[in-house]
Amino acid sequence: MRTAVLILLAASLFAGIPAPEFRDRRAKLQKAFDGILVLSGHGYAEETRDGFFQEPNFHYLTGWTEPGAVLILTAKEELLLIPERSERTERYNGKKLAPGDPGAEERTGFAKVLPVARFGAEMQRLMADHGRIYVRPADARAEKLKAAAPLHEILDPSNRIAAMRMKKSALELDLIRRATEATVQGHREAWRSIAPARFEYQIAAAMEAAYRAMGCERNAYPPIVGSGPNSVVLHYNSNRRKMDSGELVVMDVGAECGGYAADITRTVPVNGRFTPRQREIYDIVLGAQNAAIAAVKPGMKFRGETGSIESVAKKYITDRGYGKFWLHGLGHHVGLEVHDSTDPELTLQAGMVITIEPGIYIAEENLGVRIEDMILVTETGAQVISSALPRDPKEIEKLVQKP
């Protein structure tokens, strides 16, 4: 029965964001910029990702997932420039849409689809009427634009786009919820698989298989399954160790579905029962997480030493004598990226999605505990999107223990 449900879900989920929403995003941005916006679409390197991931700002405004494209946006024009056809490249990587192909405008959602080779000519035309160019400093075209337009003001658009990305639309929230549901299913499959003498990679494989079966395309980041001494390594993802009875295993895993990420962490006992010491630390981390979730509301700062959600959780752990064993921040925004783009000046607003993930890591005891959940900021507080996955240690023990 469960397999049939997963197949049904896989057939119906994750169609992604439709073209009209991307056009609305561009239209909103056109009103905010008094110049030329240039964004390059390409894969990018980040320690938490593998494979080709479209540059997320470009993706947010275009929805286009093929490499090598460029967006040019002014108050009156929007141009999508894409590579021309290469027979050799397509023999290795498959056929791609090219300028002039029938239906190019319909498939991209742009009225003007031009060859990327036209970039220089189009910029020269537009620069005659605009004194400012907005381009991300990390964009490979940034330095060339500075050299080609020495009299133009070159500005970074990142914070303005980030401010838009931080507050999610109804369609984005739907995809994030579905990614979260699939990730929850992955954790549940892991709990069924955990046992002494099994390898961490076997648990990671069970999790990934579960959310791929639900229609998710890939991992939002490489799965972290750290048992025993690996539980205190924050971004451990080798997943090669054999687990032993009496240890804890930290599982930090997230699916990407329809382009949107989830990120959930649970810490469970390999043999299905917490020792008194493990339970002591687990309860402190859970208490800190609950305190932070209770403090979430619009207008609050997410991070900071005082008056923030993070300071609430840190105080909880520090007051219990374990402040020096918390080694990372409280969490991050989630969306097209698992560590989504943010404007650091903005406080929390309804419609933002964050994680709350306090942890304690005691290396000399090989004892690490992290609990992480997906949180939607609402008009009145917080909604735990990942609440279907238990956090109560007694519930975890019941689900992990074998008959």
Protein backbone atom coordinates (compact mmCIF):
# COMPACT_ATOMS: atom_id res chain seq x y z
CA MET A 1 0.00 0.00 0.00
CA ARG A 2 2.80 2.41 0.92
CA THR A 3 4.55 1.78 -2.44
CA ALA A 4 1.35 2.59 -4.33
CA VAL A 5 0.98 5.86 -2.46
CA LEU A 6 4.58 6.84 -3.23
CA ILE A 7 4.12 6.10 -6.94
CA LEU A 8 0.90 8.15 -7.02
CA LEU A 9 2.66 11.07 -5.33
CA ALA A 10 5.62 10.83 -7.69
CA ALA A 11 3.29 11.09 -10.67
CA SER A 12 1.58 14.22 -9.41
CA LEU A 13 4.19 16.35 -7.56
CA PHE A 14 6.80 18.94 -8.32
CA ALA A 15 5.74 20.50 -11.61
CA GLY A 16 7.58 23.62 -10.44
CA ILE A 17 6.75 27.32 -10.65
CA PRO A 18 4.74 28.37 -13.77
CA ALA A 19 5.97 31.05 -16.18
CA PRO A 20 3.53 33.80 -15.03
CA GLU A 21 5.07 33.86 -11.55
CA PHE A 22 8.56 34.33 -13.00
CA ARG A 23 7.22 37.19 -15.15
CA ASP A 24 5.66 38.78 -12.06
CA ARG A 25 8.99 38.58 -10.23
CA ARG A 26 10.80 40.28 -13.10
CA ALA A 27 8.12 42.95 -13.33
CA LYS A 28 8.49 43.70 -9.63
CA LEU A 29 12.24 43.97 -9.98
CA GLN A 30 11.94 46.21 -13.04
CA LYS A 31 10.22 48.79 -10.84
CA ALA A 32 13.07 48.67 -8.32
CA PHE A 33 16.10 49.07 -10.63
CA ASP A 34 17.03 52.28 -12.45
CA GLY A 35 19.56 50.73 -14.76
CA ILE A 36 20.52 47.49 -16.45
CA LEU A 37 20.44 44.22 -14.50
CA VAL A 38 22.72 41.45 -15.79
CA LEU A 39 22.54 37.91 -14.39
CA SER A 40 24.43 34.94 -15.79
CA GLY A 41 22.98 31.46 -15.55
CA HIS A 42 25.51 28.74 -14.86
CA GLY A 43 26.36 25.98 -12.45
CA TYR A 44 28.18 27.06 -9.31
CA ALA A 45 30.39 25.45 -6.70
CA GLU A 46 29.35 25.17 -3.07
CA GLU A 47 30.51 22.71 -0.43
CA THR A 48 26.97 21.46 0.16
CA ARG A 49 26.04 20.73 -3.46
CA ASP A 50 27.08 18.50 -6.32
CA GLY A 51 26.12 18.27 -9.99
CA PHE A 52 24.70 21.16 -12.05
CA PHE A 53 22.68 23.66 -10.06
CA GLN A 54 21.51 26.79 -11.83
CA GLU A 55 22.69 30.07 -10.32
CA PRO A 56 19.78 30.66 -7.90
CA ASN A 57 19.18 34.38 -8.54
CA PHE A 58 19.00 33.69 -12.26
CA HIS A 59 16.72 30.71 -11.60
CA TYR A 60 14.46 32.79 -9.34
CA LEU A 61 13.82 35.35 -12.09
CA THR A 62 13.71 33.08 -15.14
CA GLY A 63 13.00 29.48 -14.17
CA TRP A 64 15.46 28.50 -16.88
CA THR A 65 17.59 25.48 -15.90
CA GLU A 66 19.89 25.03 -18.89
CA PRO A 67 23.49 26.32 -18.65
CA GLY A 68 25.11 29.26 -20.39
CA ALA A 69 22.18 31.70 -20.48
CA VAL A 70 22.15 35.42 -19.59
CA LEU A 71 19.32 37.66 -18.39
CA ILE A 72 19.32 41.36 -19.26
CA LEU A 73 16.61 43.40 -17.57
CA THR A 74 15.77 47.10 -17.73
CA ALA A 75 12.64 49.02 -16.75
CA LYS A 76 11.24 48.48 -20.25
CA GLU A 77 12.94 45.38 -21.64
CA GLU A 78 13.68 41.79 -20.67
CA LEU A 79 15.99 39.69 -22.80
CA LEU A 80 16.99 36.05 -22.40
CA LEU A 81 20.17 35.15 -24.23
CA ILE A 82 20.92 31.43 -24.69
CA PRO A 83 23.73 29.53 -26.42
CA GLU A 84 23.43 28.59 -30.06
CA ARG A 85 23.23 24.94 -31.00
CA SER A 86 26.40 22.84 -30.88
CA GLU A 87 26.08 19.46 -32.53
CA ARG A 88 29.17 18.13 -30.74
CA THR A 89 27.97 19.24 -27.30
CA GLU A 90 24.51 17.81 -27.90
CA ARG A 91 25.96 14.41 -28.84
CA TYR A 92 27.40 14.20 -25.31
CA ASN A 93 24.83 16.09 -23.25
CA GLY A 94 21.59 15.94 -25.19
CA LYS A 95 19.64 18.44 -27.25
CA LYS A 96 19.15 21.95 -25.87
CA LEU A 97 16.85 24.77 -26.87
CA ALA A 98 18.56 27.25 -29.20
CA PRO A 99 17.67 30.78 -30.33
CA GLY A 100 15.22 30.69 -33.22
CA ASP A 101 13.83 27.25 -32.36
CA PRO A 102 10.05 27.01 -32.78
CA GLY A 103 8.35 27.66 -29.45
CA ALA A 104 11.43 29.24 -27.83
CA GLU A 105 9.41 32.16 -26.50
CA GLU A 106 6.70 29.89 -25.10
CA ARG A 107 9.18 27.51 -23.46
CA THR A 108 11.22 30.27 -21.84
CA GLY A 109 8.43 32.73 -21.03
CA PHE A 110 10.38 35.55 -22.74
CA ALA A 111 9.19 37.54 -25.73
CA LYS A 112 12.81 38.05 -26.84
CA VAL A 113 15.15 35.03 -26.94
CA LEU A 114 18.49 35.90 -28.54
CA PRO A 115 21.87 34.21 -29.06
CA VAL A 116 24.25 34.75 -26.15
CA ALA A 117 26.76 36.02 -28.72
CA ARG A 118 24.59 39.15 -28.96
CA PHE A 119 25.37 40.11 -25.35
CA GLY A 120 27.96 42.76 -26.19
CA ALA A 121 25.86 44.43 -28.86
CA GLU A 122 22.73 44.51 -26.67
CA MET A 123 24.67 45.99 -23.76
CA GLN A 124 26.16 48.70 -25.95
CA ARG A 125 22.67 49.63 -27.13
CA LEU A 126 21.23 49.75 -23.62
CA MET A 127 24.18 51.51 -21.98
CA ALA A 128 23.56 54.55 -24.15
CA ASP A 129 20.37 55.20 -22.15
CA HIS A 130 21.34 53.89 -18.70
CA GLY A 131 24.08 55.08 -16.35
CA ARG A 132 23.98 52.14 -13.93
CA ILE A 133 24.69 48.45 -14.34
CA TYR A 134 23.67 45.94 -11.69
CA VAL A 135 25.75 42.76 -11.72
CA ARG A 136 26.78 40.37 -8.95
CA PRO A 137 30.51 40.67 -8.10
CA ALA A 138 30.83 36.88 -8.39
CA ASP A 139 29.41 36.92 -11.93
CA ALA A 140 32.10 36.06 -14.48
CA ARG A 141 30.93 39.02 -16.60
CA ALA A 142 31.37 41.61 -13.81
CA GLU A 143 35.01 42.51 -14.49
CA LYS A 144 34.47 42.66 -18.25
CA LEU A 145 31.53 45.02 -17.75
CA LYS A 146 33.63 47.28 -15.51
CA ALA A 147 36.31 47.46 -18.21
CA ALA A 148 33.80 48.01 -21.01
CA ALA A 149 31.81 50.68 -19.14
CA PRO A 150 34.30 52.74 -17.07
CA LEU A 151 31.91 55.72 -16.85
CA HIS A 152 28.97 53.64 -15.62
CA GLU A 153 28.17 53.00 -11.98
CA ILE A 154 28.48 49.26 -11.25
CA LEU A 155 26.27 48.08 -8.37
CA ASP A 156 25.54 44.76 -6.66
CA PRO A 157 21.86 43.69 -6.92
CA SER A 158 22.20 40.76 -4.49
CA ASN A 159 20.43 42.24 -1.45
CA ARG A 160 17.46 43.50 -3.46
CA ILE A 161 16.92 40.09 -5.05
CA ALA A 162 17.53 38.38 -1.71
CA ALA A 163 14.80 40.48 -0.07
CA MET A 164 12.35 39.17 -2.67
CA ARG A 165 13.52 35.58 -2.31
CA MET A 166 13.25 35.56 1.48
CA LYS A 167 9.46 35.89 1.49
CA LYS A 168 7.93 32.89 -0.25
CA SER A 169 4.88 32.86 -2.50
CA ALA A 170 2.03 30.39 -2.07
CA LEU A 171 3.44 28.24 -4.88
CA GLU A 172 6.91 28.27 -3.37
CA LEU A 173 5.52 27.29 0.03
CA ASP A 174 3.66 24.39 -1.58
CA LEU A 175 6.87 23.05 -3.10
CA ILE A 176 8.77 23.53 0.16
CA ARG A 177 6.06 21.66 2.06
CA ARG A 178 6.25 18.81 -0.42
CA ALA A 179 10.03 18.68 -0.20
CA THR A 180 9.64 18.58 3.58
CA GLU A 181 7.09 15.75 3.42
CA ALA A 182 9.46 13.74 1.24
CA THR A 183 12.39 14.41 3.59
CA VAL A 184 10.29 13.30 6.57
CA GLN A 185 9.58 10.06 4.71
CA GLY A 186 13.32 9.66 4.14
CA HIS A 187 14.01 9.97 7.87
CA ARG A 188 11.31 7.44 8.69
CA GLU A 189 12.86 4.97 6.25
CA ALA A 190 16.22 5.55 7.91
CA TRP A 191 14.80 4.75 11.33
CA ARG A 192 13.51 1.47 9.96
CA SER A 193 16.98 0.70 8.60
CA ILE A 194 19.18 1.69 11.54
CA ALA A 195 20.83 -1.17 13.40
CA PRO A 196 24.25 -1.98 14.87
CA ALA A 197 26.82 -3.18 12.31
CA ARG A 198 25.12 -1.35 9.43
CA PHE A 199 27.09 1.29 7.53
CA GLU A 200 26.22 4.96 7.47
CA TYR A 201 26.00 4.93 3.68
CA GLN A 202 23.28 2.26 3.84
CA ILE A 203 21.17 4.61 5.94
CA ALA A 204 21.84 7.51 3.55
CA ALA A 205 20.81 5.31 0.63
CA ALA A 206 17.52 4.35 2.30
CA MET A 207 16.71 8.03 2.87
CA GLU A 208 17.53 9.12 -0.65
CA ALA A 209 15.58 6.24 -2.20
CA ALA A 210 12.50 7.20 -0.18
CA TYR A 211 12.29 10.79 -1.35
CA ARG A 212 13.27 10.01 -4.92
CA ALA A 213 10.36 7.55 -4.97
CA MET A 214 8.12 10.47 -4.00
CA GLY A 215 9.19 12.45 -7.07
CA CYS A 216 12.12 14.51 -5.76
CA GLU A 217 14.87 14.97 -8.32
CA ARG A 218 17.91 14.97 -6.07
CA ASN A 219 19.53 15.75 -2.73
CA ALA A 220 19.40 19.38 -1.68
CA TYR A 221 22.91 18.69 -0.32
CA PRO A 222 25.02 15.57 0.27
CA PRO A 223 23.42 13.50 3.08
CA ILE A 224 25.10 13.70 6.48
CA VAL A 225 24.87 10.43 8.46
CA GLY A 226 27.38 10.63 11.33
CA SER A 227 27.53 7.96 14.01
CA GLY A 228 29.62 7.88 17.20
CA PRO A 229 32.76 10.01 16.66
CA ASN A 230 31.31 11.34 13.41
CA SER A 231 28.31 12.79 15.24
CA VAL A 232 30.47 15.70 16.41
CA VAL A 233 31.67 16.61 12.88
CA LEU A 234 29.31 19.31 11.64
CA HIS A 235 29.36 18.67 7.87
CA TYR A 236 30.58 15.08 7.85
CA ASN A 237 29.28 13.38 4.69
CA SER A 238 31.69 10.54 3.92
CA ASN A 239 29.13 8.16 5.47
CA ARG A 240 31.52 5.19 5.49
CA ARG A 241 31.63 4.10 9.11
CA LYS A 242 30.03 0.98 10.57
CA MET A 243 27.65 1.93 13.39
CA ASP A 244 27.94 0.38 16.84
CA SER A 245 25.34 -0.34 19.50
CA GLY A 246 25.18 2.33 22.19
CA GLU A 247 26.06 5.20 19.83
CA LEU A 248 24.01 8.09 18.51
CA VAL A 249 23.72 8.85 14.81
CA VAL A 250 23.09 12.37 13.51
CA MET A 251 21.15 12.39 10.23
CA ASP A 252 21.05 15.75 8.45
CA VAL A 253 19.34 15.17 5.11
CA GLY A 254 17.17 17.12 2.70
CA ALA A 255 15.38 16.51 -0.60
CA GLU A 256 15.07 18.96 -3.47
CA CYS A 257 11.66 18.82 -5.12
CA GLY A 258 10.59 21.06 -7.98
CA GLY A 259 13.70 23.18 -7.44
CA TYR A 260 13.04 23.83 -3.72
CA ALA A 261 14.95 22.41 -0.77
CA ALA A 262 14.19 20.95 2.63
CA ASP A 263 16.61 20.46 5.54
CA ILE A 264 15.80 18.28 8.57
CA THR A 265 18.09 16.75 11.21
CA ARG A 266 17.37 14.11 13.79
CA THR A 267 19.65 12.38 16.27
CA VAL A 268 18.67 8.82 17.20
CA PRO A 269 20.20 5.90 19.14
CA VAL A 270 21.60 3.14 16.92
CA ASN A 271 20.18 0.40 19.15
CA GLY A 272 16.87 2.19 19.72
CA ARG A 273 17.45 3.40 23.27
CA PHE A 274 19.14 6.55 24.61
CA THR A 275 21.60 6.11 27.48
CA PRO A 276 20.97 8.43 30.47
CA ARG A 277 23.86 10.67 29.38
CA GLN A 278 22.65 10.83 25.77
CA ARG A 279 19.14 11.61 26.96
CA GLU A 280 20.45 14.42 29.19
CA ILE A 281 22.14 16.18 26.26
CA TYR A 282 19.26 15.45 23.89
CA ASP A 283 16.75 17.04 26.27
CA ILE A 284 18.85 20.21 26.55
CA VAL A 285 19.07 20.57 22.75
CA LEU A 286 15.34 19.90 22.40
CA GLY A 287 14.57 22.48 25.09
CA ALA A 288 16.70 25.08 23.29
CA GLN A 289 14.93 24.36 20.02
CA ASN A 290 11.50 24.65 21.63
CA ALA A 291 12.48 27.96 23.24
CA ALA A 292 13.68 29.34 19.90
CA ILE A 293 10.56 28.21 18.03
CA ALA A 294 8.36 29.83 20.68
CA ALA A 295 10.22 33.13 20.15
CA VAL A 296 9.68 33.24 16.38
CA LYS A 297 7.41 36.04 15.17
CA PRO A 298 7.47 38.84 12.59
CA GLY A 299 9.85 41.64 13.51
CA MET A 300 12.28 39.46 15.45
CA LYS A 301 15.94 39.28 14.49
CA PHE A 302 17.03 35.81 13.42
CA ARG A 303 20.67 36.09 14.48
CA GLY A 304 22.63 38.25 16.89
CA GLU A 305 24.02 38.28 20.39
CA THR A 306 21.00 40.00 21.93
CA GLY A 307 17.30 40.25 21.16
CA SER A 308 17.35 37.52 18.51
CA ILE A 309 15.94 34.03 18.10
CA GLU A 310 19.50 32.71 18.18
CA SER A 311 20.26 34.42 21.50
CA VAL A 312 17.23 32.72 23.08
CA ALA A 313 18.54 29.26 22.17
CA LYS A 314 22.12 30.08 23.13
CA LYS A 315 21.04 31.33 26.54
CA TYR A 316 19.09 28.12 27.15
CA ILE A 317 22.12 25.95 26.41
CA THR A 318 24.62 28.24 28.17
CA ASP A 319 22.51 28.40 31.33
CA ARG A 320 22.79 24.61 31.52
CA GLY A 321 26.58 24.66 31.23
CA TYR A 322 27.06 23.60 27.61
CA GLY A 323 27.49 26.90 25.76
CA LYS A 324 31.05 26.10 24.61
CA PHE A 325 29.83 22.90 22.96
CA TRP A 326 27.47 24.66 20.53
CA LEU A 327 29.67 25.29 17.49
CA HIS A 328 27.45 26.82 14.78
CA GLY A 329 24.59 29.25 14.13
CA LEU A 330 20.96 28.60 14.95
CA GLY A 331 19.82 28.05 11.37
CA HIS A 332 19.29 29.63 7.97
CA HIS A 333 16.67 30.55 5.39
CA VAL A 334 15.58 27.82 2.97
CA GLY A 335 14.23 28.04 -0.58
CA LEU A 336 15.88 27.51 -3.96
CA GLU A 337 19.04 26.91 -1.94
CA VAL A 338 19.26 24.97 1.28
CA HIS A 339 21.18 27.97 2.66
CA ASP A 340 19.00 30.48 0.88
CA SER A 341 19.99 34.01 -0.05
CA THR A 342 19.29 36.67 2.58
CA ASP A 343 19.43 40.40 3.17
CA PRO A 344 21.04 40.58 6.64
CA GLU A 345 19.32 43.87 7.42
CA LEU A 346 15.83 42.36 7.32
CA THR A 347 14.01 40.97 10.35
CA LEU A 348 11.69 37.98 10.16
CA GLN A 349 8.48 38.42 8.19
CA ALA A 350 5.45 36.22 7.61
CA GLY A 351 6.10 33.95 4.64
CA MET A 352 9.77 33.36 5.36
CA VAL A 353 11.01 29.79 5.82
CA ILE A 354 13.91 29.11 8.18
CA THR A 355 15.50 26.21 9.98
CA ILE A 356 16.08 26.09 13.73
CA GLU A 357 18.90 23.68 14.56
CA PRO A 358 20.65 23.98 17.92
CA GLY A 359 23.28 21.40 18.73
CA ILE A 360 25.74 20.22 21.37
CA TYR A 361 28.96 18.46 20.31
CA ILE A 362 31.19 16.92 22.99
CA ALA A 363 34.18 15.51 21.11
CA GLU A 364 35.81 13.80 24.10
CA GLU A 365 32.63 11.74 24.57
CA ASN A 366 31.94 11.12 20.85
CA LEU A 367 28.55 12.61 21.67
CA GLY A 368 26.87 14.95 19.20
CA VAL A 369 23.20 15.95 19.17
CA ARG A 370 21.52 18.23 16.61
CA ILE A 371 17.78 18.67 16.05
CA GLU A 372 16.66 20.69 13.03
CA ASP A 373 13.21 21.55 11.73
CA MET A 374 11.67 23.55 8.90
CA ILE A 375 9.85 26.60 10.26
CA LEU A 376 7.37 28.88 8.47
CA VAL A 377 7.10 32.36 9.96
CA THR A 378 3.40 33.24 10.25
CA GLU A 379 1.57 36.46 11.12
CA THR A 380 1.37 35.38 14.76
CA GLY A 381 4.41 33.17 15.30
CA ALA A 382 5.78 29.96 13.84
CA GLN A 383 4.50 26.81 12.17
CA VAL A 384 6.72 23.72 12.25
CA ILE A 385 6.40 22.40 8.70
CA SER A 386 8.29 19.21 9.60
CA SER A 387 6.19 18.39 12.68
CA ALA A 388 5.22 15.00 11.24
CA LEU A 389 8.67 13.72 12.21
CA PRO A 390 8.81 13.11 15.99
CA ARG A 391 11.30 14.96 18.17
CA ASP A 392 10.20 13.50 21.52
CA PRO A 393 12.87 10.97 22.57
CA LYS A 394 10.31 8.39 23.74
CA GLU A 395 8.56 8.48 20.37
CA ILE A 396 11.90 8.14 18.60
CA GLU A 397 12.81 5.09 20.69
CA LYS A 398 9.49 3.41 19.81
CA LEU A 399 10.05 3.93 16.08
CA VAL A 400 13.73 2.93 16.03
CA GLN A 401 13.53 -0.17 18.23
CA LYS A 402 13.17 -3.42 16.32
CA PRO A 403 10.52 -6.04 17.27
